[in-house]
Structures are given as structure tokens and as C-alpha cells.
Amino acid sequence: MRKLILIKHASPEVQPGLPPEKWPLSEEGKARCEQLARHVAPLAPSVIVSSDEMKAEETGRIVAQRLGVAHHVAADLHEHDRSNVPQLRIAEFISLIELLFRRPNDKVLGLETAVAALSRFESALDEVLLEHPDGNVAVVSHGTVIALLLEKLDKRRKGFEVWRAMKLPSFAVLSLPGMTLDRLVATVEIMRP
């Protein structure tokens, strides 16, 4: 059965004054990509497609290089659009994200509602799968849009709880067609050679 691997990017280097979509990976994030590649390798993706945000693009490129597969950047796989939001204190940010999941039809944070972000993300995933009709496909994206999708696919999962659980990096494996969730790897553990 064909698989879609949804990967939450590795940890970025926070750079005050730059918007989050421009943050590069931290050194720890780059090292975690090595571990991520080892976890994803058994799933044998034929291609890795990433969001155009720098941290996701770098995560995708590093993992693709380690696995010896093609890497592409695709439109509309980016995070829930918060480009108009200044950097917030962690507690305030988490509270607003929780509100975003509770009130998906309202613009509680940023320029998109949760419903709009999920719709955009699903359309982008459909496009990626059309462009890559064979083999397993890995998509490197972002926590909020991935959690929104996982909540939609499995009503027992609360999106905010998934968002909180998914570390940098992490991934979910879905079976195609139908996008049935097989498993969620919320933390990429260090694997010994």
C-alpha cells in the first residue's frame, strides 16, 4: 500500500527581526535531520517535497540527500499564515494556537482561519500526489497544518494535543488512497548505528 509521510521540519535557529518562514535550521536541527533520515529510510520514499519555508526546505533537502532521492519545493505547503504576527511570548503563542484549534472558522491568529489553512494544505497535498503518482511520498511541512489534517482524519485525535506532542522533527505515516493514519512518531529518537 502506498504511503504519504508527513514530516514536521527540524528545529530552526530563531532569528529575532526575521519572520519565522525565513529562519534557517539550527545546528541541532541539522543533526536531527540525520536521525530523521534514518527513521524515514525504511518507508522508502521515492521523493521528498517540502514547503518553501527555509526550515522545511532545508529539512527536506538534507533528508533527501541522505536517502539519495529527489527533493522538490511545492507551493502552499507552508504553515498557517501568521506572517502579520510579531514574535510572541511562548505562553501567549501557545494560548492563541489552542484558540485557533477551538475556533477553526475565526481568524484568531494571523491571516488565515484554521479551516482556510487546512483547505490550502489539503489542496497542495493533492497536487503533490498527482505530480508523484508512484511510490511513497514524503512531504516536509509544519506542525499546525499537519495537526489540523490529522484531527480531520481521526476525530479521536484533538488537533491541539497533536500539535503539542509533535516535536521538531517528527512525522506521521498515512496509507493511500484515503489518507488513513497508520502511525504518529511524535519524537524522532536517536538511533545507534
C-alpha atoms as a PDB file:
ATOM      1  CA  MET A   1       0.000   0.000   0.000  1.00  0.00           C
ATOM      2  CA  ARG A   2       1.309   3.442  -0.948  1.00  0.00           C
ATOM      3  CA  LYS A   3       2.328   5.791   1.899  1.00  0.00           C
ATOM      4  CA  LEU A   4       2.324   9.524   2.488  1.00  0.00           C
ATOM      5  CA  ILE A   5       4.839  10.571   5.135  1.00  0.00           C
ATOM      6  CA  LEU A   6       4.055  13.972   6.648  1.00  0.00           C
ATOM      7  CA  ILE A   7       7.171  15.384   8.293  1.00  0.00           C
ATOM      8  CA  LYS A   8       7.283  18.304  10.686  1.00  0.00           C
ATOM      9  CA  HIS A   9      10.537  20.174   9.997  1.00  0.00           C
ATOM     10  CA  ALA A  10      13.567  20.108  12.300  1.00  0.00           C
ATOM     11  CA  SER A  11      14.325  22.889  14.793  1.00  0.00           C
ATOM     12  CA  PRO A  12      15.193  26.294  13.368  1.00  0.00           C
ATOM     13  CA  GLU A  13      17.593  28.929  14.584  1.00  0.00           C
ATOM     14  CA  VAL A  14      15.307  31.658  15.904  1.00  0.00           C
ATOM     15  CA  GLN A  15      16.440  34.957  14.448  1.00  0.00           C
ATOM     16  CA  PRO A  16      14.708  37.973  16.003  1.00  0.00           C
ATOM     17  CA  GLY A  17      13.915  40.519  13.347  1.00  0.00           C
ATOM     18  CA  LEU A  18      13.371  37.869  10.669  1.00  0.00           C
ATOM     19  CA  PRO A  19       9.953  36.312  10.065  1.00  0.00           C
ATOM     20  CA  PRO A  20       9.766  32.605  11.068  1.00  0.00           C
ATOM     21  CA  GLU A  21       9.367  31.488   7.446  1.00  0.00           C
ATOM     22  CA  LYS A  22      12.929  32.800   6.825  1.00  0.00           C
ATOM     23  CA  TRP A  23      14.551  31.032   9.795  1.00  0.00           C
ATOM     24  CA  PRO A  24      17.237  28.508   8.794  1.00  0.00           C
ATOM     25  CA  LEU A  25      17.794  25.242  10.633  1.00  0.00           C
ATOM     26  CA  SER A  26      19.843  25.356  13.805  1.00  0.00           C
ATOM     27  CA  GLU A  27      22.910  23.135  14.125  1.00  0.00           C
ATOM     28  CA  GLU A  28      20.842  20.817  16.338  1.00  0.00           C
ATOM     29  CA  GLY A  29      18.109  20.806  13.686  1.00  0.00           C
ATOM     30  CA  LYS A  30      20.601  19.784  11.013  1.00  0.00           C
ATOM     31  CA  ALA A  31      21.887  16.975  13.248  1.00  0.00           C
ATOM     32  CA  ARG A  32      18.309  15.829  13.914  1.00  0.00           C
ATOM     33  CA  CYS A  33      17.763  15.587  10.147  1.00  0.00           C
ATOM     34  CA  GLU A  34      20.350  12.815  10.114  1.00  0.00           C
ATOM     35  CA  GLN A  35      18.275  10.875  12.646  1.00  0.00           C
ATOM     36  CA  LEU A  36      15.071  11.720  10.805  1.00  0.00           C
ATOM     37  CA  ALA A  37      16.519  10.255   7.601  1.00  0.00           C
ATOM     38  CA  ARG A  38      17.319   7.010   9.421  1.00  0.00           C
ATOM     39  CA  HIS A  39      13.735   6.788  10.727  1.00  0.00           C
ATOM     40  CA  VAL A  40      12.191   7.556   7.339  1.00  0.00           C
ATOM     41  CA  ALA A  41      14.515   5.284   5.309  1.00  0.00           C
ATOM     42  CA  PRO A  42      12.509   2.067   5.958  1.00  0.00           C
ATOM     43  CA  LEU A  43       9.453   3.796   4.447  1.00  0.00           C
ATOM     44  CA  ALA A  44      11.416   4.177   1.181  1.00  0.00           C
ATOM     45  CA  PRO A  45      10.062   7.494  -0.099  1.00  0.00           C
ATOM     46  CA  SER A  46      10.679   7.949  -3.808  1.00  0.00           C
ATOM     47  CA  VAL A  47      10.647  11.743  -3.459  1.00  0.00           C
ATOM     48  CA  ILE A  48      10.673  14.390  -0.756  1.00  0.00           C
ATOM     49  CA  VAL A  49       8.637  17.534  -1.317  1.00  0.00           C
ATOM     50  CA  SER A  50       8.881  20.458   1.067  1.00  0.00           C
ATOM     51  CA  SER A  51       7.242  23.711   1.920  1.00  0.00           C
ATOM     52  CA  ASP A  52       9.034  26.800   0.663  1.00  0.00           C
ATOM     53  CA  GLU A  53       9.745  27.996   4.216  1.00  0.00           C
ATOM     54  CA  MET A  54      13.514  27.844   4.776  1.00  0.00           C
ATOM     55  CA  LYS A  55      13.448  25.444   7.768  1.00  0.00           C
ATOM     56  CA  ALA A  56      11.221  22.968   5.900  1.00  0.00           C
ATOM     57  CA  GLU A  57      13.162  23.281   2.645  1.00  0.00           C
ATOM     58  CA  GLU A  58      16.459  22.613   4.457  1.00  0.00           C
ATOM     59  CA  THR A  59      14.968  19.654   6.339  1.00  0.00           C
ATOM     60  CA  GLY A  60      13.696  18.178   3.074  1.00  0.00           C
ATOM     61  CA  ARG A  61      16.962  18.740   1.236  1.00  0.00           C
ATOM     62  CA  ILE A  62      19.103  17.145   3.968  1.00  0.00           C
ATOM     63  CA  VAL A  63      16.849  14.090   4.317  1.00  0.00           C
ATOM     64  CA  ALA A  64      16.624  13.670   0.534  1.00  0.00           C
ATOM     65  CA  GLN A  65      20.424  13.822   0.231  1.00  0.00           C
ATOM     66  CA  ARG A  66      20.847  11.178   2.951  1.00  0.00           C
ATOM     67  CA  LEU A  67      18.278   8.903   1.298  1.00  0.00           C
ATOM     68  CA  GLY A  68      19.506   9.517  -2.255  1.00  0.00           C
ATOM     69  CA  VAL A  69      16.104  10.648  -3.559  1.00  0.00           C
ATOM     70  CA  ALA A  70      14.867  13.721  -5.393  1.00  0.00           C
ATOM     71  CA  HIS A  71      13.814  16.823  -3.472  1.00  0.00           C
ATOM     72  CA  HIS A  72      11.349  19.444  -4.687  1.00  0.00           C
ATOM     73  CA  VAL A  73       9.732  22.532  -3.197  1.00  0.00           C
ATOM     74  CA  ALA A  74       5.983  22.965  -3.710  1.00  0.00           C
ATOM     75  CA  ALA A  75       3.621  25.870  -3.202  1.00  0.00           C
ATOM     76  CA  ASP A  76       1.015  26.060  -0.452  1.00  0.00           C
ATOM     77  CA  LEU A  77       2.563  23.526   1.927  1.00  0.00           C
ATOM     78  CA  HIS A  78       3.556  26.370   4.265  1.00  0.00           C
ATOM     79  CA  GLU A  79       2.432  26.854   7.828  1.00  0.00           C
ATOM     80  CA  HIS A  80      -0.818  28.507   8.878  1.00  0.00           C
ATOM     81  CA  ASP A  81      -0.239  32.099   7.713  1.00  0.00           C
ATOM     82  CA  ARG A  82       0.913  34.110  10.716  1.00  0.00           C
ATOM     83  CA  SER A  83       3.108  36.462   8.696  1.00  0.00           C
ATOM     84  CA  ASN A  84       1.475  39.529  10.255  1.00  0.00           C
ATOM     85  CA  VAL A  85       2.031  38.356  13.845  1.00  0.00           C
ATOM     86  CA  PRO A  86       5.047  39.672  15.773  1.00  0.00           C
ATOM     87  CA  GLN A  87       7.117  37.249  17.817  1.00  0.00           C
ATOM     88  CA  LEU A  88       5.091  36.440  20.930  1.00  0.00           C
ATOM     89  CA  ARG A  89       5.988  35.099  24.338  1.00  0.00           C
ATOM     90  CA  ILE A  90       5.760  31.278  24.328  1.00  0.00           C
ATOM     91  CA  ALA A  91       2.785  31.094  26.724  1.00  0.00           C
ATOM     92  CA  GLU A  92       0.816  33.661  24.709  1.00  0.00           C
ATOM     93  CA  PHE A  93       1.603  31.890  21.432  1.00  0.00           C
ATOM     94  CA  ILE A  94       0.508  28.503  22.800  1.00  0.00           C
ATOM     95  CA  SER A  95      -2.751  30.011  24.107  1.00  0.00           C
ATOM     96  CA  LEU A  96      -3.518  31.507  20.701  1.00  0.00           C
ATOM     97  CA  ILE A  97      -2.750  28.223  18.925  1.00  0.00           C
ATOM     98  CA  GLU A  98      -5.115  26.417  21.291  1.00  0.00           C
ATOM     99  CA  LEU A  99      -7.781  29.010  20.451  1.00  0.00           C
ATOM    100  CA  LEU A 100      -7.102  28.510  16.736  1.00  0.00           C
ATOM    101  CA  PHE A 101      -7.972  24.808  17.099  1.00  0.00           C
ATOM    102  CA  ARG A 102     -11.071  25.566  19.210  1.00  0.00           C
ATOM    103  CA  ARG A 103     -12.364  28.257  16.846  1.00  0.00           C
ATOM    104  CA  PRO A 104     -11.335  27.000  13.382  1.00  0.00           C
ATOM    105  CA  ASN A 105     -13.642  29.368  11.486  1.00  0.00           C
ATOM    106  CA  ASP A 106     -12.283  32.512  13.154  1.00  0.00           C
ATOM    107  CA  LYS A 107      -9.096  34.451  12.448  1.00  0.00           C
ATOM    108  CA  VAL A 108      -7.742  34.275  15.966  1.00  0.00           C
ATOM    109  CA  LEU A 109      -4.083  34.413  14.946  1.00  0.00           C
ATOM    110  CA  GLY A 110      -2.637  35.566  11.660  1.00  0.00           C
ATOM    111  CA  LEU A 111      -4.172  35.959   8.223  1.00  0.00           C
ATOM    112  CA  GLU A 112      -5.870  32.546   7.846  1.00  0.00           C
ATOM    113  CA  THR A 113      -8.501  30.685   9.741  1.00  0.00           C
ATOM    114  CA  ALA A 114      -7.689  27.090  10.625  1.00  0.00           C
ATOM    115  CA  VAL A 115     -10.297  25.992   8.068  1.00  0.00           C
ATOM    116  CA  ALA A 116      -8.629  28.045   5.314  1.00  0.00           C
ATOM    117  CA  ALA A 117      -5.143  26.791   6.217  1.00  0.00           C
ATOM    118  CA  LEU A 118      -6.307  23.169   6.185  1.00  0.00           C
ATOM    119  CA  SER A 119      -8.110  23.598   2.860  1.00  0.00           C
ATOM    120  CA  ARG A 120      -4.993  25.118   1.269  1.00  0.00           C
ATOM    121  CA  PHE A 121      -2.767  22.382   2.716  1.00  0.00           C
ATOM    122  CA  GLU A 122      -5.058  19.564   1.542  1.00  0.00           C
ATOM    123  CA  SER A 123      -5.185  21.022  -1.974  1.00  0.00           C
ATOM    124  CA  ALA A 124      -1.394  21.258  -2.019  1.00  0.00           C
ATOM    125  CA  LEU A 125      -1.068  17.633  -0.874  1.00  0.00           C
ATOM    126  CA  ASP A 126      -3.488  16.534  -3.611  1.00  0.00           C
ATOM    127  CA  GLU A 127      -1.344  18.375  -6.157  1.00  0.00           C
ATOM    128  CA  VAL A 128       1.864  16.773  -4.851  1.00  0.00           C
ATOM    129  CA  LEU A 129       0.306  13.295  -5.037  1.00  0.00           C
ATOM    130  CA  LEU A 130      -0.907  13.957  -8.598  1.00  0.00           C
ATOM    131  CA  GLU A 131       2.587  15.063  -9.606  1.00  0.00           C
ATOM    132  CA  HIS A 132       4.132  11.978  -7.960  1.00  0.00           C
ATOM    133  CA  PRO A 133       1.657   9.153  -8.667  1.00  0.00           C
ATOM    134  CA  ASP A 134       4.011   6.264  -7.898  1.00  0.00           C
ATOM    135  CA  GLY A 135       5.864   5.188  -4.790  1.00  0.00           C
ATOM    136  CA  ASN A 136       5.827   6.588  -1.298  1.00  0.00           C
ATOM    137  CA  VAL A 137       5.937  10.367  -0.953  1.00  0.00           C
ATOM    138  CA  ALA A 138       7.377  12.362   1.952  1.00  0.00           C
ATOM    139  CA  VAL A 139       6.190  15.931   2.499  1.00  0.00           C
ATOM    140  CA  VAL A 140       8.071  18.258   4.858  1.00  0.00           C
ATOM    141  CA  SER A 141       5.745  20.853   6.286  1.00  0.00           C
ATOM    142  CA  HIS A 142       4.693  22.398   9.588  1.00  0.00           C
ATOM    143  CA  GLY A 143       3.055  21.478  12.857  1.00  0.00           C
ATOM    144  CA  THR A 144      -0.208  23.380  12.723  1.00  0.00           C
ATOM    145  CA  VAL A 145      -1.292  22.293   9.252  1.00  0.00           C
ATOM    146  CA  ILE A 146      -0.235  18.689   9.899  1.00  0.00           C
ATOM    147  CA  ALA A 147      -2.137  18.635  13.217  1.00  0.00           C
ATOM    148  CA  LEU A 148      -5.226  20.125  11.557  1.00  0.00           C
ATOM    149  CA  LEU A 149      -5.163  17.361   8.953  1.00  0.00           C
ATOM    150  CA  LEU A 150      -4.606  14.580  11.490  1.00  0.00           C
ATOM    151  CA  GLU A 151      -7.522  15.856  13.568  1.00  0.00           C
ATOM    152  CA  LYS A 152      -9.753  15.808  10.480  1.00  0.00           C
ATOM    153  CA  LEU A 153      -8.667  12.271   9.554  1.00  0.00           C
ATOM    154  CA  ASP A 154      -9.118  10.858  13.062  1.00  0.00           C
ATOM    155  CA  LYS A 155     -11.770  12.618  15.156  1.00  0.00           C
ATOM    156  CA  ARG A 156     -10.463  10.898  18.288  1.00  0.00           C
ATOM    157  CA  ARG A 157      -7.287  12.982  17.992  1.00  0.00           C
ATOM    158  CA  LYS A 158      -7.516  16.550  19.195  1.00  0.00           C
ATOM    159  CA  GLY A 159      -5.507  18.798  16.884  1.00  0.00           C
ATOM    160  CA  PHE A 160      -4.093  20.962  19.653  1.00  0.00           C
ATOM    161  CA  GLU A 161      -2.868  17.876  21.538  1.00  0.00           C
ATOM    162  CA  VAL A 162      -1.249  16.552  18.348  1.00  0.00           C
ATOM    163  CA  TRP A 163       0.347  19.963  17.773  1.00  0.00           C
ATOM    164  CA  ARG A 164       1.766  19.954  21.327  1.00  0.00           C
ATOM    165  CA  ALA A 165       3.004  16.355  21.051  1.00  0.00           C
ATOM    166  CA  MET A 166       4.813  16.673  17.712  1.00  0.00           C
ATOM    167  CA  LYS A 167       8.418  17.661  18.342  1.00  0.00           C
ATOM    168  CA  LEU A 168      10.967  19.081  15.908  1.00  0.00           C
ATOM    169  CA  PRO A 169      11.272  16.932  13.814  1.00  0.00           C
ATOM    170  CA  SER A 170       8.514  14.323  13.869  1.00  0.00           C
ATOM    171  CA  PHE A 171       6.330  12.563  11.325  1.00  0.00           C
ATOM    172  CA  ALA A 172       3.070  10.787  10.584  1.00  0.00           C
ATOM    173  CA  VAL A 173       2.594   7.887   8.176  1.00  0.00           C
ATOM    174  CA  LEU A 174      -0.650   7.713   6.201  1.00  0.00           C
ATOM    175  CA  SER A 175      -1.868   4.954   3.873  1.00  0.00           C
ATOM    176  CA  LEU A 176      -3.135   5.900   0.428  1.00  0.00           C
ATOM    177  CA  PRO A 177      -5.637   6.180  -1.015  1.00  0.00           C
ATOM    178  CA  GLY A 178      -7.886   7.635   1.628  1.00  0.00           C
ATOM    179  CA  MET A 179      -5.192   9.023   3.925  1.00  0.00           C
ATOM    180  CA  THR A 180      -5.669   6.620   6.818  1.00  0.00           C
ATOM    181  CA  LEU A 181      -3.304   7.344   9.698  1.00  0.00           C
ATOM    182  CA  ASP A 182      -1.006   4.352  10.314  1.00  0.00           C
ATOM    183  CA  ARG A 183       1.194   5.890  12.983  1.00  0.00           C
ATOM    184  CA  LEU A 184       2.444   9.097  14.506  1.00  0.00           C
ATOM    185  CA  VAL A 185       6.088   9.392  15.517  1.00  0.00           C
ATOM    186  CA  ALA A 186       5.939  12.448  17.765  1.00  0.00           C
ATOM    187  CA  THR A 187       9.618  12.361  18.680  1.00  0.00           C
ATOM    188  CA  VAL A 188      12.499  11.247  16.473  1.00  0.00           C
ATOM    189  CA  GLU A 189      14.705   9.281  18.835  1.00  0.00           C
ATOM    190  CA  ILE A 190      18.428   8.930  18.341  1.00  0.00           C
ATOM    191  CA  MET A 191      19.172   5.633  16.609  1.00  0.00           C
ATOM    192  CA  ARG A 192      22.513   3.943  17.115  1.00  0.00           C
ATOM    193  CA  PRO A 193      24.283   2.610  14.012  1.00  0.00           C
END
